Amino acid sequence: MTTEPERYTVLLVPEFVEQAEAVSARDAAVRSAVVEATGETGETGYPRFAGDGIVADIDPRSRTVEALLVDGAELDYGLSALVDS
């Protein structure tokens, strides 16, 4: 039986930082939030997590953010959401 994490830290980073080797995503983040499992499944079919103004559907196997709302709105262009390791 696998257990899914109850919380993640989601980082919002400029897209150009995703592949940068010199700067960590944590250092480049313009915003971060600890999101906790809501017990719901999002429209994507993945578990929903929420906290600090962020609602995210996260694939627990790949740790990929599949859907995201920031303060009730879609993510601005030029930003990416990553799960902090």
N, C-alpha and C. Protein backbone atom coordinates (compact mmCIF):
# COMPACT_ATOMS: atom_id res chain seq x y z
N MET A 1 0.84 -1.17 0.00
CA MET A 1 0.00 0.00 0.00
C MET A 1 0.89 1.24 0.00
N THR A 2 0.61 2.18 -0.90
CA THR A 2 1.38 3.41 -0.92
C THR A 2 0.63 4.50 -0.19
N THR A 3 1.37 5.35 0.44
CA THR A 3 0.76 6.49 1.11
C THR A 3 1.18 7.75 0.40
N GLU A 4 0.22 8.62 0.21
CA GLU A 4 0.50 9.88 -0.45
C GLU A 4 0.87 10.92 0.59
N PRO A 5 1.77 11.83 0.25
CA PRO A 5 2.14 12.88 1.20
C PRO A 5 0.93 13.73 1.57
N GLU A 6 0.93 14.22 2.76
CA GLU A 6 -0.15 15.08 3.23
C GLU A 6 0.10 16.55 2.92
N ARG A 7 1.37 16.89 2.61
CA ARG A 7 1.68 18.29 2.30
C ARG A 7 2.89 18.38 1.39
N TYR A 8 2.92 19.49 0.66
CA TYR A 8 4.04 19.81 -0.23
C TYR A 8 4.33 21.29 -0.09
N THR A 9 5.53 21.68 -0.51
CA THR A 9 5.84 23.09 -0.68
C THR A 9 5.84 23.36 -2.18
N VAL A 10 5.00 24.30 -2.60
CA VAL A 10 4.91 24.68 -4.01
C VAL A 10 5.67 25.98 -4.19
N LEU A 11 6.55 26.00 -5.18
CA LEU A 11 7.34 27.20 -5.50
C LEU A 11 6.85 27.77 -6.83
N LEU A 12 6.66 29.07 -6.88
CA LEU A 12 6.36 29.76 -8.13
C LEU A 12 7.64 30.44 -8.57
N VAL A 13 8.14 30.02 -9.72
CA VAL A 13 9.43 30.52 -10.20
C VAL A 13 9.29 31.05 -11.63
N PRO A 14 10.12 32.03 -11.98
CA PRO A 14 10.14 32.48 -13.38
C PRO A 14 10.56 31.31 -14.26
N GLU A 15 9.95 31.18 -15.45
CA GLU A 15 10.24 30.04 -16.32
C GLU A 15 11.71 29.93 -16.69
N PHE A 16 12.40 31.04 -16.83
CA PHE A 16 13.80 30.97 -17.23
C PHE A 16 14.67 30.33 -16.17
N VAL A 17 14.18 30.21 -14.94
CA VAL A 17 14.97 29.62 -13.86
C VAL A 17 14.85 28.10 -13.85
N GLU A 18 13.81 27.56 -14.45
CA GLU A 18 13.58 26.11 -14.39
C GLU A 18 14.81 25.31 -14.80
N GLN A 19 15.51 25.73 -15.83
CA GLN A 19 16.65 24.98 -16.33
C GLN A 19 17.99 25.55 -15.88
N ALA A 20 17.97 26.62 -15.14
CA ALA A 20 19.22 27.25 -14.71
C ALA A 20 19.93 26.37 -13.69
N GLU A 21 21.22 26.22 -13.87
CA GLU A 21 21.99 25.38 -12.95
C GLU A 21 22.60 26.20 -11.82
N ALA A 22 22.80 27.49 -12.04
CA ALA A 22 23.49 28.31 -11.06
C ALA A 22 22.58 28.76 -9.91
N VAL A 23 21.27 28.77 -10.14
CA VAL A 23 20.34 29.26 -9.13
C VAL A 23 19.35 28.15 -8.80
N SER A 24 19.13 27.92 -7.53
CA SER A 24 18.15 26.90 -7.15
C SER A 24 16.75 27.47 -7.29
N ALA A 25 15.79 26.61 -7.52
CA ALA A 25 14.39 27.04 -7.64
C ALA A 25 13.94 27.70 -6.34
N ARG A 26 14.39 27.19 -5.23
CA ARG A 26 14.00 27.77 -3.93
C ARG A 26 14.50 29.21 -3.81
N ASP A 27 15.73 29.47 -4.24
CA ASP A 27 16.29 30.82 -4.17
C ASP A 27 15.63 31.77 -5.16
N ALA A 28 15.18 31.24 -6.30
CA ALA A 28 14.59 32.07 -7.35
C ALA A 28 13.09 32.26 -7.20
N ALA A 29 12.46 31.54 -6.29
CA ALA A 29 11.00 31.60 -6.16
C ALA A 29 10.52 33.00 -5.82
N VAL A 30 9.46 33.41 -6.52
CA VAL A 30 8.84 34.69 -6.22
C VAL A 30 7.75 34.53 -5.17
N ARG A 31 7.35 33.27 -4.96
CA ARG A 31 6.36 32.97 -3.93
C ARG A 31 6.44 31.48 -3.63
N SER A 32 6.19 31.14 -2.39
CA SER A 32 6.13 29.74 -2.01
C SER A 32 4.95 29.55 -1.05
N ALA A 33 4.46 28.34 -1.00
CA ALA A 33 3.34 28.04 -0.10
C ALA A 33 3.40 26.58 0.30
N VAL A 34 3.07 26.32 1.53
CA VAL A 34 2.90 24.95 2.00
C VAL A 34 1.43 24.62 1.78
N VAL A 35 1.19 23.60 0.97
CA VAL A 35 -0.18 23.18 0.68
C VAL A 35 -0.41 21.82 1.31
N GLU A 36 -1.62 21.64 1.85
CA GLU A 36 -1.96 20.39 2.52
C GLU A 36 -3.10 19.70 1.79
N ALA A 37 -3.13 18.39 1.89
CA ALA A 37 -4.17 17.60 1.24
C ALA A 37 -5.54 18.03 1.75
N THR A 38 -6.48 18.18 0.80
CA THR A 38 -7.84 18.55 1.16
C THR A 38 -8.75 17.34 1.27
N GLY A 39 -8.28 16.19 0.76
CA GLY A 39 -9.11 15.00 0.74
C GLY A 39 -9.98 14.93 -0.51
N GLU A 40 -9.90 15.95 -1.35
CA GLU A 40 -10.67 15.99 -2.59
C GLU A 40 -9.78 15.59 -3.76
N THR A 41 -10.42 15.23 -4.85
CA THR A 41 -9.73 14.98 -6.11
C THR A 41 -10.07 16.13 -7.03
N GLY A 42 -9.06 16.71 -7.67
CA GLY A 42 -9.28 17.83 -8.57
C GLY A 42 -9.84 17.37 -9.90
N GLU A 43 -10.16 18.34 -10.76
CA GLU A 43 -10.68 18.03 -12.09
C GLU A 43 -9.69 17.22 -12.92
N THR A 44 -8.41 17.31 -12.59
CA THR A 44 -7.38 16.57 -13.32
C THR A 44 -7.35 15.09 -12.94
N GLY A 45 -8.03 14.74 -11.84
CA GLY A 45 -8.00 13.37 -11.36
C GLY A 45 -6.94 13.13 -10.30
N TYR A 46 -6.16 14.15 -10.00
CA TYR A 46 -5.10 14.04 -8.99
C TYR A 46 -5.58 14.66 -7.68
N PRO A 47 -4.94 14.28 -6.57
CA PRO A 47 -5.32 14.83 -5.27
C PRO A 47 -5.16 16.35 -5.25
N ARG A 48 -6.08 17.02 -4.55
CA ARG A 48 -6.04 18.47 -4.43
C ARG A 48 -5.39 18.86 -3.10
N PHE A 49 -4.56 19.90 -3.18
CA PHE A 49 -3.86 20.44 -2.02
C PHE A 49 -4.13 21.94 -1.97
N ALA A 50 -4.20 22.51 -0.77
CA ALA A 50 -4.49 23.94 -0.65
C ALA A 50 -3.78 24.52 0.56
N GLY A 51 -3.43 25.82 0.44
CA GLY A 51 -2.83 26.55 1.54
C GLY A 51 -2.17 27.83 1.07
N ASP A 52 -2.19 28.83 1.92
CA ASP A 52 -1.52 30.11 1.66
C ASP A 52 -1.93 30.73 0.32
N GLY A 53 -3.23 30.59 -0.04
CA GLY A 53 -3.72 31.20 -1.28
C GLY A 53 -3.50 30.39 -2.53
N ILE A 54 -2.94 29.20 -2.39
CA ILE A 54 -2.67 28.35 -3.56
C ILE A 54 -3.50 27.06 -3.46
N VAL A 55 -4.13 26.71 -4.57
CA VAL A 55 -4.85 25.44 -4.70
C VAL A 55 -4.20 24.70 -5.86
N ALA A 56 -3.76 23.48 -5.61
CA ALA A 56 -3.03 22.74 -6.64
C ALA A 56 -3.47 21.29 -6.68
N ASP A 57 -3.58 20.76 -7.90
CA ASP A 57 -3.73 19.32 -8.10
C ASP A 57 -2.32 18.81 -8.37
N ILE A 58 -1.85 17.87 -7.55
CA ILE A 58 -0.48 17.39 -7.65
C ILE A 58 -0.46 15.88 -7.84
N ASP A 59 0.30 15.43 -8.84
CA ASP A 59 0.51 14.01 -9.07
C ASP A 59 1.54 13.54 -8.05
N PRO A 60 1.15 12.73 -7.07
CA PRO A 60 2.09 12.32 -6.02
C PRO A 60 3.23 11.44 -6.52
N ARG A 61 3.03 10.71 -7.62
CA ARG A 61 4.09 9.85 -8.14
C ARG A 61 5.21 10.65 -8.79
N SER A 62 4.84 11.61 -9.63
CA SER A 62 5.87 12.39 -10.33
C SER A 62 6.16 13.72 -9.65
N ARG A 63 5.37 14.07 -8.64
CA ARG A 63 5.49 15.35 -7.93
C ARG A 63 5.36 16.52 -8.91
N THR A 64 4.42 16.38 -9.85
CA THR A 64 4.16 17.41 -10.85
C THR A 64 2.89 18.15 -10.50
N VAL A 65 2.93 19.47 -10.61
CA VAL A 65 1.73 20.28 -10.42
C VAL A 65 0.93 20.21 -11.72
N GLU A 66 -0.25 19.61 -11.65
CA GLU A 66 -1.08 19.39 -12.84
C GLU A 66 -2.08 20.52 -13.06
N ALA A 67 -2.49 21.21 -12.01
CA ALA A 67 -3.41 22.35 -12.10
C ALA A 67 -3.13 23.26 -10.93
N LEU A 68 -3.37 24.56 -11.13
CA LEU A 68 -2.98 25.51 -10.09
C LEU A 68 -3.82 26.77 -10.16
N LEU A 69 -4.25 27.25 -9.00
CA LEU A 69 -4.85 28.57 -8.85
C LEU A 69 -4.06 29.31 -7.79
N VAL A 70 -3.76 30.57 -8.06
CA VAL A 70 -3.05 31.42 -7.12
C VAL A 70 -3.98 32.57 -6.77
N ASP A 71 -4.37 32.65 -5.52
CA ASP A 71 -5.33 33.66 -5.07
C ASP A 71 -6.57 33.67 -5.96
N GLY A 72 -7.03 32.47 -6.36
CA GLY A 72 -8.24 32.32 -7.14
C GLY A 72 -8.10 32.52 -8.63
N ALA A 73 -6.90 32.81 -9.11
CA ALA A 73 -6.67 33.06 -10.54
C ALA A 73 -5.64 32.08 -11.10
N GLU A 74 -5.65 31.94 -12.42
CA GLU A 74 -4.65 31.11 -13.08
C GLU A 74 -3.27 31.74 -12.93
N LEU A 75 -2.26 30.93 -13.08
CA LEU A 75 -0.88 31.38 -12.96
C LEU A 75 -0.53 32.34 -14.09
N ASP A 76 0.15 33.42 -13.75
CA ASP A 76 0.57 34.40 -14.76
C ASP A 76 1.55 33.77 -15.74
N TYR A 77 1.50 34.26 -16.99
CA TYR A 77 2.48 33.81 -17.99
C TYR A 77 3.88 34.15 -17.50
N GLY A 78 4.81 33.27 -17.80
CA GLY A 78 6.20 33.50 -17.41
C GLY A 78 6.55 32.88 -16.08
N LEU A 79 5.56 32.30 -15.40
CA LEU A 79 5.82 31.64 -14.13
C LEU A 79 5.51 30.16 -14.24
N SER A 80 6.22 29.37 -13.48
CA SER A 80 5.99 27.93 -13.41
C SER A 80 5.84 27.54 -11.96
N ALA A 81 5.11 26.46 -11.74
CA ALA A 81 4.94 25.93 -10.39
C ALA A 81 5.70 24.63 -10.27
N LEU A 82 6.50 24.54 -9.22
CA LEU A 82 7.32 23.35 -8.97
C LEU A 82 7.07 22.88 -7.54
N VAL A 83 7.20 21.58 -7.32
CA VAL A 83 7.15 21.04 -5.99
C VAL A 83 8.57 21.00 -5.47
N ASP A 84 8.80 21.61 -4.32
CA ASP A 84 10.13 21.64 -3.73
C ASP A 84 10.49 20.26 -3.22
N SER A 85 11.73 19.87 -3.48
CA SER A 85 12.17 18.54 -3.06
C SER A 85 12.64 18.52 -1.63
